[in-house]
PDB file of N, CA and C in Angstrom:
ATOM      1  N   MET A   1      16.751   3.023  32.316  1.00  0.00           N
ATOM      2  CA  MET A   1      16.175   2.529  31.071  1.00  0.00           C
ATOM      3  C   MET A   1      15.737   3.717  30.217  1.00  0.00           C
ATOM      4  N   HIS A   2      16.054   3.663  28.968  1.00  0.00           N
ATOM      5  CA  HIS A   2      15.703   4.713  28.011  1.00  0.00           C
ATOM      6  C   HIS A   2      14.187   4.733  27.813  1.00  0.00           C
ATOM      7  N   PRO A   3      13.568   5.929  27.648  1.00  0.00           N
ATOM      8  CA  PRO A   3      12.110   6.006  27.457  1.00  0.00           C
ATOM      9  C   PRO A   3      11.611   5.148  26.293  1.00  0.00           C
ATOM     10  N   THR A   4      12.363   5.086  25.200  1.00  0.00           N
ATOM     11  CA  THR A   4      11.949   4.277  24.057  1.00  0.00           C
ATOM     12  C   THR A   4      11.926   2.800  24.432  1.00  0.00           C
ATOM     13  N   GLU A   5      12.911   2.392  25.216  1.00  0.00           N
ATOM     14  CA  GLU A   5      12.974   0.998  25.660  1.00  0.00           C
ATOM     15  C   GLU A   5      11.776   0.671  26.546  1.00  0.00           C
ATOM     16  N   GLN A   6      11.410   1.602  27.426  1.00  0.00           N
ATOM     17  CA  GLN A   6      10.249   1.393  28.294  1.00  0.00           C
ATOM     18  C   GLN A   6       8.966   1.338  27.471  1.00  0.00           C
ATOM     19  N   SER A   7       8.845   2.197  26.463  1.00  0.00           N
ATOM     20  CA  SER A   7       7.674   2.173  25.584  1.00  0.00           C
ATOM     21  C   SER A   7       7.586   0.845  24.846  1.00  0.00           C
ATOM     22  N   GLN A   8       8.719   0.362  24.386  1.00  0.00           N
ATOM     23  CA  GLN A   8       8.744  -0.900  23.660  1.00  0.00           C
ATOM     24  C   GLN A   8       8.302  -2.046  24.575  1.00  0.00           C
ATOM     25  N   ILE A   9       8.808  -2.077  25.785  1.00  0.00           N
ATOM     26  CA  ILE A   9       8.416  -3.118  26.740  1.00  0.00           C
ATOM     27  C   ILE A   9       6.926  -3.035  27.036  1.00  0.00           C
ATOM     28  N   SER A  10       6.413  -1.821  27.228  1.00  0.00           N
ATOM     29  CA  SER A  10       4.984  -1.641  27.500  1.00  0.00           C
ATOM     30  C   SER A  10       4.138  -2.131  26.330  1.00  0.00           C
ATOM     31  N   LEU A  11       4.564  -1.838  25.112  1.00  0.00           N
ATOM     32  CA  LEU A  11       3.823  -2.306  23.940  1.00  0.00           C
ATOM     33  C   LEU A  11       3.846  -3.827  23.855  1.00  0.00           C
ATOM     34  N   PHE A  12       4.993  -4.443  24.121  1.00  0.00           N
ATOM     35  CA  PHE A  12       5.073  -5.903  24.075  1.00  0.00           C
ATOM     36  C   PHE A  12       4.212  -6.541  25.167  1.00  0.00           C
ATOM     37  N   GLN A  13       4.164  -5.927  26.342  1.00  0.00           N
ATOM     38  CA  GLN A  13       3.312  -6.456  27.417  1.00  0.00           C
ATOM     39  C   GLN A  13       1.840  -6.363  27.024  1.00  0.00           C
ATOM     40  N   LEU A  14       1.448  -5.238  26.456  1.00  0.00           N
ATOM     41  CA  LEU A  14       0.066  -5.059  26.022  1.00  0.00           C
ATOM     42  C   LEU A  14      -0.279  -6.049  24.911  1.00  0.00           C
ATOM     43  N   ALA A  15       0.622  -6.211  23.957  1.00  0.00           N
ATOM     44  CA  ALA A  15       0.388  -7.150  22.855  1.00  0.00           C
ATOM     45  C   ALA A  15       0.224  -8.571  23.383  1.00  0.00           C
ATOM     46  N   THR A  16       1.016  -8.938  24.376  1.00  0.00           N
ATOM     47  CA  THR A  16       0.914 -10.275  24.961  1.00  0.00           C
ATOM     48  C   THR A  16      -0.431 -10.465  25.647  1.00  0.00           C
ATOM     49  N   GLN A  17      -0.947  -9.427  26.271  1.00  0.00           N
ATOM     50  CA  GLN A  17      -2.274  -9.517  26.890  1.00  0.00           C
ATOM     51  C   GLN A  17      -3.356  -9.710  25.831  1.00  0.00           C
ATOM     52  N   TYR A  18      -3.255  -8.982  24.727  1.00  0.00           N
ATOM     53  CA  TYR A  18      -4.215  -9.160  23.626  1.00  0.00           C
ATOM     54  C   TYR A  18      -4.108 -10.572  23.052  1.00  0.00           C
ATOM     55  N   TYR A  19      -2.871 -11.055  22.896  1.00  0.00           N
ATOM     56  CA  TYR A  19      -2.657 -12.389  22.341  1.00  0.00           C
ATOM     57  C   TYR A  19      -3.272 -13.458  23.250  1.00  0.00           C
ATOM     58  N   ALA A  20      -2.983 -13.381  24.544  1.00  0.00           N
ATOM     59  CA  ALA A  20      -3.521 -14.367  25.489  1.00  0.00           C
ATOM     60  C   ALA A  20      -5.049 -14.316  25.513  1.00  0.00           C
ATOM     61  N   SER A  21      -5.606 -13.111  25.506  1.00  0.00           N
ATOM     62  CA  SER A  21      -7.065 -12.963  25.497  1.00  0.00           C
ATOM     63  C   SER A  21      -7.663 -13.504  24.199  1.00  0.00           C
ATOM     64  N   GLY A  22      -6.999 -13.250  23.092  1.00  0.00           N
ATOM     65  CA  GLY A  22      -7.471 -13.750  21.801  1.00  0.00           C
ATOM     66  C   GLY A  22      -7.442 -15.258  21.733  1.00  0.00           C
ATOM     67  N   ARG A  23      -6.376 -15.862  22.246  1.00  0.00           N
ATOM     68  CA  ARG A  23      -6.291 -17.330  22.270  1.00  0.00           C
ATOM     69  C   ARG A  23      -7.390 -17.920  23.144  1.00  0.00           C
ATOM     70  N   PHE A  24      -7.583 -17.327  24.315  1.00  0.00           N
ATOM     71  CA  PHE A  24      -8.622 -17.827  25.216  1.00  0.00           C
ATOM     72  C   PHE A  24      -9.998 -17.688  24.572  1.00  0.00           C
ATOM     73  N   ALA A  25     -10.244 -16.563  23.935  1.00  0.00           N
ATOM     74  CA  ALA A  25     -11.534 -16.345  23.264  1.00  0.00           C
ATOM     75  C   ALA A  25     -11.733 -17.356  22.142  1.00  0.00           C
ATOM     76  N   ALA A  26     -10.681 -17.628  21.375  1.00  0.00           N
ATOM     77  CA  ALA A  26     -10.789 -18.596  20.274  1.00  0.00           C
ATOM     78  C   ALA A  26     -11.091 -19.991  20.819  1.00  0.00           C
ATOM     79  N   LEU A  27     -10.389 -20.384  21.875  1.00  0.00           N
ATOM     80  CA  LEU A  27     -10.624 -21.701  22.465  1.00  0.00           C
ATOM     81  C   LEU A  27     -12.007 -21.806  23.100  1.00  0.00           C
ATOM     82  N   SER A  28     -12.570 -20.670  23.465  1.00  0.00           N
ATOM     83  CA  SER A  28     -13.914 -20.644  24.061  1.00  0.00           C
ATOM     84  C   SER A  28     -15.006 -20.538  23.005  1.00  0.00           C
ATOM     85  N   GLY A  29     -14.611 -20.429  21.745  1.00  0.00           N
ATOM     86  CA  GLY A  29     -15.579 -20.356  20.660  1.00  0.00           C
ATOM     87  C   GLY A  29     -16.139 -18.971  20.408  1.00  0.00           C
ATOM     88  N   ILE A  30     -15.488 -17.964  20.931  1.00  0.00           N
ATOM     89  CA  ILE A  30     -15.935 -16.578  20.720  1.00  0.00           C
ATOM     90  C   ILE A  30     -15.181 -16.052  19.504  1.00  0.00           C
ATOM     91  N   LEU A  31     -15.600 -16.487  18.331  1.00  0.00           N
ATOM     92  CA  LEU A  31     -14.792 -16.281  17.130  1.00  0.00           C
ATOM     93  C   LEU A  31     -14.708 -14.848  16.612  1.00  0.00           C
ATOM     94  N   PRO A  32     -15.763 -14.097  16.496  1.00  0.00           N
ATOM     95  CA  PRO A  32     -15.537 -12.740  15.970  1.00  0.00           C
ATOM     96  C   PRO A  32     -14.649 -11.895  16.883  1.00  0.00           C
ATOM     97  N   VAL A  33     -14.831 -12.054  18.180  1.00  0.00           N
ATOM     98  CA  VAL A  33     -14.048 -11.257  19.128  1.00  0.00           C
ATOM     99  C   VAL A  33     -12.597 -11.720  19.147  1.00  0.00           C
ATOM    100  N   SER A  34     -12.375 -13.035  19.081  1.00  0.00           N
ATOM    101  CA  SER A  34     -11.002 -13.544  19.137  1.00  0.00           C
ATOM    102  C   SER A  34     -10.178 -13.034  17.956  1.00  0.00           C
ATOM    103  N   ALA A  35     -10.781 -12.979  16.786  1.00  0.00           N
ATOM    104  CA  ALA A  35     -10.057 -12.481  15.609  1.00  0.00           C
ATOM    105  C   ALA A  35      -9.647 -11.022  15.815  1.00  0.00           C
ATOM    106  N   ASN A  36     -10.533 -10.228  16.385  1.00  0.00           N
ATOM    107  CA  ASN A  36     -10.231  -8.823  16.640  1.00  0.00           C
ATOM    108  C   ASN A  36      -9.096  -8.686  17.648  1.00  0.00           C
ATOM    109  N   LEU A  37      -9.130  -9.485  18.710  1.00  0.00           N
ATOM    110  CA  LEU A  37      -8.081  -9.423  19.729  1.00  0.00           C
ATOM    111  C   LEU A  37      -6.729  -9.842  19.153  1.00  0.00           C
ATOM    112  N   LEU A  38      -6.733 -10.885  18.337  1.00  0.00           N
ATOM    113  CA  LEU A  38      -5.479 -11.346  17.741  1.00  0.00           C
ATOM    114  C   LEU A  38      -4.935 -10.338  16.715  1.00  0.00           C
ATOM    115  N   HIS A  39      -5.839  -9.667  16.009  1.00  0.00           N
ATOM    116  CA  HIS A  39      -5.428  -8.601  15.089  1.00  0.00           C
ATOM    117  C   HIS A  39      -4.702  -7.507  15.862  1.00  0.00           C
ATOM    118  N   HIS A  40      -5.273  -7.112  16.990  1.00  0.00           N
ATOM    119  CA  HIS A  40      -4.639  -6.078  17.817  1.00  0.00           C
ATOM    120  C   HIS A  40      -3.292  -6.557  18.357  1.00  0.00           C
ATOM    121  N   ALA A  41      -3.204  -7.828  18.719  1.00  0.00           N
ATOM    122  CA  ALA A  41      -1.939  -8.364  19.229  1.00  0.00           C
ATOM    123  C   ALA A  41      -0.836  -8.234  18.181  1.00  0.00           C
ATOM    124  N   VAL A  42      -1.118  -8.647  16.955  1.00  0.00           N
ATOM    125  CA  VAL A  42      -0.119  -8.554  15.885  1.00  0.00           C
ATOM    126  C   VAL A  42       0.253  -7.097  15.643  1.00  0.00           C
ATOM    127  N   GLU A  43      -0.750  -6.250  15.594  1.00  0.00           N
ATOM    128  CA  GLU A  43      -0.509  -4.818  15.372  1.00  0.00           C
ATOM    129  C   GLU A  43       0.413  -4.234  16.438  1.00  0.00           C
ATOM    130  N   ILE A  44       0.141  -4.543  17.685  1.00  0.00           N
ATOM    131  CA  ILE A  44       0.910  -3.943  18.776  1.00  0.00           C
ATOM    132  C   ILE A  44       2.302  -4.563  18.875  1.00  0.00           C
ATOM    133  N   TYR A  45       2.447  -5.869  18.577  1.00  0.00           N
ATOM    134  CA  TYR A  45       3.791  -6.461  18.525  1.00  0.00           C
ATOM    135  C   TYR A  45       4.640  -5.755  17.460  1.00  0.00           C
ATOM    136  N   LEU A  46       4.049  -5.536  16.294  1.00  0.00           N
ATOM    137  CA  LEU A  46       4.790  -4.850  15.227  1.00  0.00           C
ATOM    138  C   LEU A  46       5.138  -3.418  15.633  1.00  0.00           C
ATOM    139  N   LYS A  47       4.196  -2.726  16.249  1.00  0.00           N
ATOM    140  CA  LYS A  47       4.477  -1.357  16.684  1.00  0.00           C
ATOM    141  C   LYS A  47       5.532  -1.342  17.790  1.00  0.00           C
ATOM    142  N   GLY A  48       5.561  -2.377  18.614  1.00  0.00           N
ATOM    143  CA  GLY A  48       6.611  -2.491  19.622  1.00  0.00           C
ATOM    144  C   GLY A  48       7.981  -2.617  18.975  1.00  0.00           C
ATOM    145  N   ALA A  49       8.040  -3.389  17.900  1.00  0.00           N
ATOM    146  CA  ALA A  49       9.301  -3.534  17.174  1.00  0.00           C
ATOM    147  C   ALA A  49       9.718  -2.214  16.520  1.00  0.00           C
ATOM    148  N   LEU A  50       8.727  -1.425  16.118  1.00  0.00           N
ATOM    149  CA  LEU A  50       9.003  -0.152  15.447  1.00  0.00           C
ATOM    150  C   LEU A  50       9.290   0.990  16.430  1.00  0.00           C
ATOM    151  N   ALA A  51       8.965   0.810  17.699  1.00  0.00           N
ATOM    152  CA  ALA A  51       9.095   1.887  18.687  1.00  0.00           C
ATOM    153  C   ALA A  51      10.486   2.535  18.718  1.00  0.00           C
ATOM    154  N   PRO A  52      11.571   1.790  18.595  1.00  0.00           N
ATOM    155  CA  PRO A  52      12.888   2.447  18.644  1.00  0.00           C
ATOM    156  C   PRO A  52      13.213   3.303  17.421  1.00  0.00           C
ATOM    157  N   VAL A  53      12.499   3.090  16.313  1.00  0.00           N
ATOM    158  CA  VAL A  53      12.862   3.813  15.084  1.00  0.00           C
ATOM    159  C   VAL A  53      11.807   4.802  14.599  1.00  0.00           C
ATOM    160  N   LEU A  54      10.601   4.745  15.163  1.00  0.00           N
ATOM    161  CA  LEU A  54       9.545   5.686  14.770  1.00  0.00           C
ATOM    162  C   LEU A  54       9.097   6.502  15.967  1.00  0.00           C
ATOM    163  N   ASP A  55       8.789   7.769  15.722  1.00  0.00           N
ATOM    164  CA  ASP A  55       8.235   8.575  16.806  1.00  0.00           C
ATOM    165  C   ASP A  55       6.723   8.332  16.896  1.00  0.00           C
ATOM    166  N   LEU A  56       6.119   8.875  17.921  1.00  0.00           N
ATOM    167  CA  LEU A  56       4.694   8.646  18.179  1.00  0.00           C
ATOM    168  C   LEU A  56       3.820   9.138  17.035  1.00  0.00           C
ATOM    169  N   LYS A  57       4.178  10.264  16.436  1.00  0.00           N
ATOM    170  CA  LYS A  57       3.399  10.812  15.321  1.00  0.00           C
ATOM    171  C   LYS A  57       3.397   9.845  14.134  1.00  0.00           C
ATOM    172  N   ALA A  58       4.556   9.306  13.811  1.00  0.00           N
ATOM    173  CA  ALA A  58       4.653   8.341  12.704  1.00  0.00           C
ATOM    174  C   ALA A  58       3.903   7.059  13.026  1.00  0.00           C
ATOM    175  N   MET A  59       3.958   6.654  14.292  1.00  0.00           N
ATOM    176  CA  MET A  59       3.262   5.439  14.713  1.00  0.00           C
ATOM    177  C   MET A  59       1.749   5.613  14.572  1.00  0.00           C
ATOM    178  N   ARG A  60       1.255   6.774  14.976  1.00  0.00           N
ATOM    179  CA  ARG A  60      -0.193   7.040  14.857  1.00  0.00           C
ATOM    180  C   ARG A  60      -0.641   7.082  13.405  1.00  0.00           C
ATOM    181  N   LYS A  61       0.230   7.565  12.545  1.00  0.00           N
ATOM    182  CA  LYS A  61      -0.098   7.658  11.120  1.00  0.00           C
ATOM    183  C   LYS A  61      -0.321   6.269  10.511  1.00  0.00           C
ATOM    184  N   LEU A  62       0.324   5.254  11.088  1.00  0.00           N
ATOM    185  CA  LEU A  62       0.138   3.890  10.609  1.00  0.00           C
ATOM    186  C   LEU A  62      -1.261   3.355  10.930  1.00  0.00           C
ATOM    187  N   SER A  63      -1.886   3.940  11.936  1.00  0.00           N
ATOM    188  CA  SER A  63      -3.237   3.572  12.352  1.00  0.00           C
ATOM    189  C   SER A  63      -3.299   2.079  12.690  1.00  0.00           C
ATOM    190  N   HIS A  64      -4.343   1.395  12.221  1.00  0.00           N
ATOM    191  CA  HIS A  64      -4.537  -0.028  12.517  1.00  0.00           C
ATOM    192  C   HIS A  64      -4.358  -0.886  11.265  1.00  0.00           C
ATOM    193  N   ASP A  65      -3.735  -0.327  10.258  1.00  0.00           N
ATOM    194  CA  ASP A  65      -3.570  -0.998   8.976  1.00  0.00           C
ATOM    195  C   ASP A  65      -2.389  -1.969   9.038  1.00  0.00           C
ATOM    196  N   LEU A  66      -2.687  -3.260   9.241  1.00  0.00           N
ATOM    197  CA  LEU A  66      -1.625  -4.252   9.388  1.00  0.00           C
ATOM    198  C   LEU A  66      -0.714  -4.314   8.167  1.00  0.00           C
ATOM    199  N   ARG A  67      -1.285  -4.192   7.001  1.00  0.00           N
ATOM    200  CA  ARG A  67      -0.451  -4.243   5.784  1.00  0.00           C
ATOM    201  C   ARG A  67       0.552  -3.085   5.781  1.00  0.00           C
ATOM    202  N   GLN A  68       0.096  -1.898   6.115  1.00  0.00           N
ATOM    203  CA  GLN A  68       0.984  -0.731   6.137  1.00  0.00           C
ATOM    204  C   GLN A  68       2.038  -0.871   7.246  1.00  0.00           C
ATOM    205  N   ILE A  69       1.617  -1.373   8.398  1.00  0.00           N
ATOM    206  CA  ILE A  69       2.558  -1.563   9.510  1.00  0.00           C
ATOM    207  C   ILE A  69       3.606  -2.606   9.120  1.00  0.00           C
ATOM    208  N   TRP A  70       3.150  -3.723   8.522  1.00  0.00           N
ATOM    209  CA  TRP A  70       4.066  -4.780   8.097  1.00  0.00           C
ATOM    210  C   TRP A  70       5.038  -4.266   7.038  1.00  0.00           C
ATOM    211  N   ASP A  71       4.535  -3.529   6.065  1.00  0.00           N
ATOM    212  CA  ASP A  71       5.400  -2.982   5.015  1.00  0.00           C
ATOM    213  C   ASP A  71       6.457  -2.047   5.599  1.00  0.00           C
ATOM    214  N   THR A  72       6.041  -1.223   6.556  1.00  0.00           N
ATOM    215  CA  THR A  72       6.982  -0.306   7.207  1.00  0.00           C
ATOM    216  C   THR A  72       8.051  -1.084   7.960  1.00  0.00           C
ATOM    217  N   ALA A  73       7.629  -2.085   8.733  1.00  0.00           N
ATOM    218  CA  ALA A  73       8.588  -2.902   9.491  1.00  0.00           C
ATOM    219  C   ALA A  73       9.528  -3.643   8.547  1.00  0.00           C
ATOM    220  N   SER A  74       8.984  -4.197   7.485  1.00  0.00           N
ATOM    221  CA  SER A  74       9.809  -4.936   6.514  1.00  0.00           C
ATOM    222  C   SER A  74      10.847  -4.024   5.865  1.00  0.00           C
ATOM    223  N   ARG A  75      10.436  -2.824   5.552  1.00  0.00           N
ATOM    224  CA  ARG A  75      11.349  -1.872   4.911  1.00  0.00           C
ATOM    225  C   ARG A  75      12.441  -1.438   5.892  1.00  0.00           C
ATOM    226  N   LEU A  76      12.054  -1.129   7.122  1.00  0.00           N
ATOM    227  CA  LEU A  76      13.023  -0.613   8.101  1.00  0.00           C
ATOM    228  C   LEU A  76      13.961  -1.681   8.615  1.00  0.00           C
ATOM    229  N   PHE A  77      13.491  -2.929   8.660  1.00  0.00           N
ATOM    230  CA  PHE A  77      14.309  -4.013   9.186  1.00  0.00           C
ATOM    231  C   PHE A  77      14.718  -5.001   8.100  1.00  0.00           C
ATOM    232  N   GLN A  78      14.752  -4.531   6.888  1.00  0.00           N
ATOM    233  CA  GLN A  78      15.062  -5.365   5.729  1.00  0.00           C
ATOM    234  C   GLN A  78      16.358  -6.152   5.904  1.00  0.00           C
ATOM    235  N   HIS A  79      17.362  -5.515   6.456  1.00  0.00           N
ATOM    236  CA  HIS A  79      18.658  -6.157   6.627  1.00  0.00           C
ATOM    237  C   HIS A  79      18.659  -7.225   7.720  1.00  0.00           C
ATOM    238  N   GLN A  80      17.634  -7.253   8.564  1.00  0.00           N
ATOM    239  CA  GLN A  80      17.581  -8.202   9.676  1.00  0.00           C
ATOM    240  C   GLN A  80      16.695  -9.405   9.377  1.00  0.00           C
ATOM    241  N   ILE A  81      15.933  -9.341   8.294  1.00  0.00           N
ATOM    242  CA  ILE A  81      15.004 -10.425   7.973  1.00  0.00           C
ATOM    243  C   ILE A  81      15.710 -11.469   7.142  1.00  0.00           C
TER     244      ILE A  81
END
């Protein structure tokens, strides 16, 4: 398995853990925390999608800004949307 492929799988696994935790927190009524967990899930899913086309330095530059991450993904995968 290519290192980028392994990184992508690891990011998707981590994002799924954040998503499951966020859903459980929301169903338990832990609302401020659940929103934060779900935000991280979306962020990491998007970064997982970007892993094959961006290096680590570019990924870090995106930080936690969902709008910037989404815009980058939309631009890079424009032909697939």
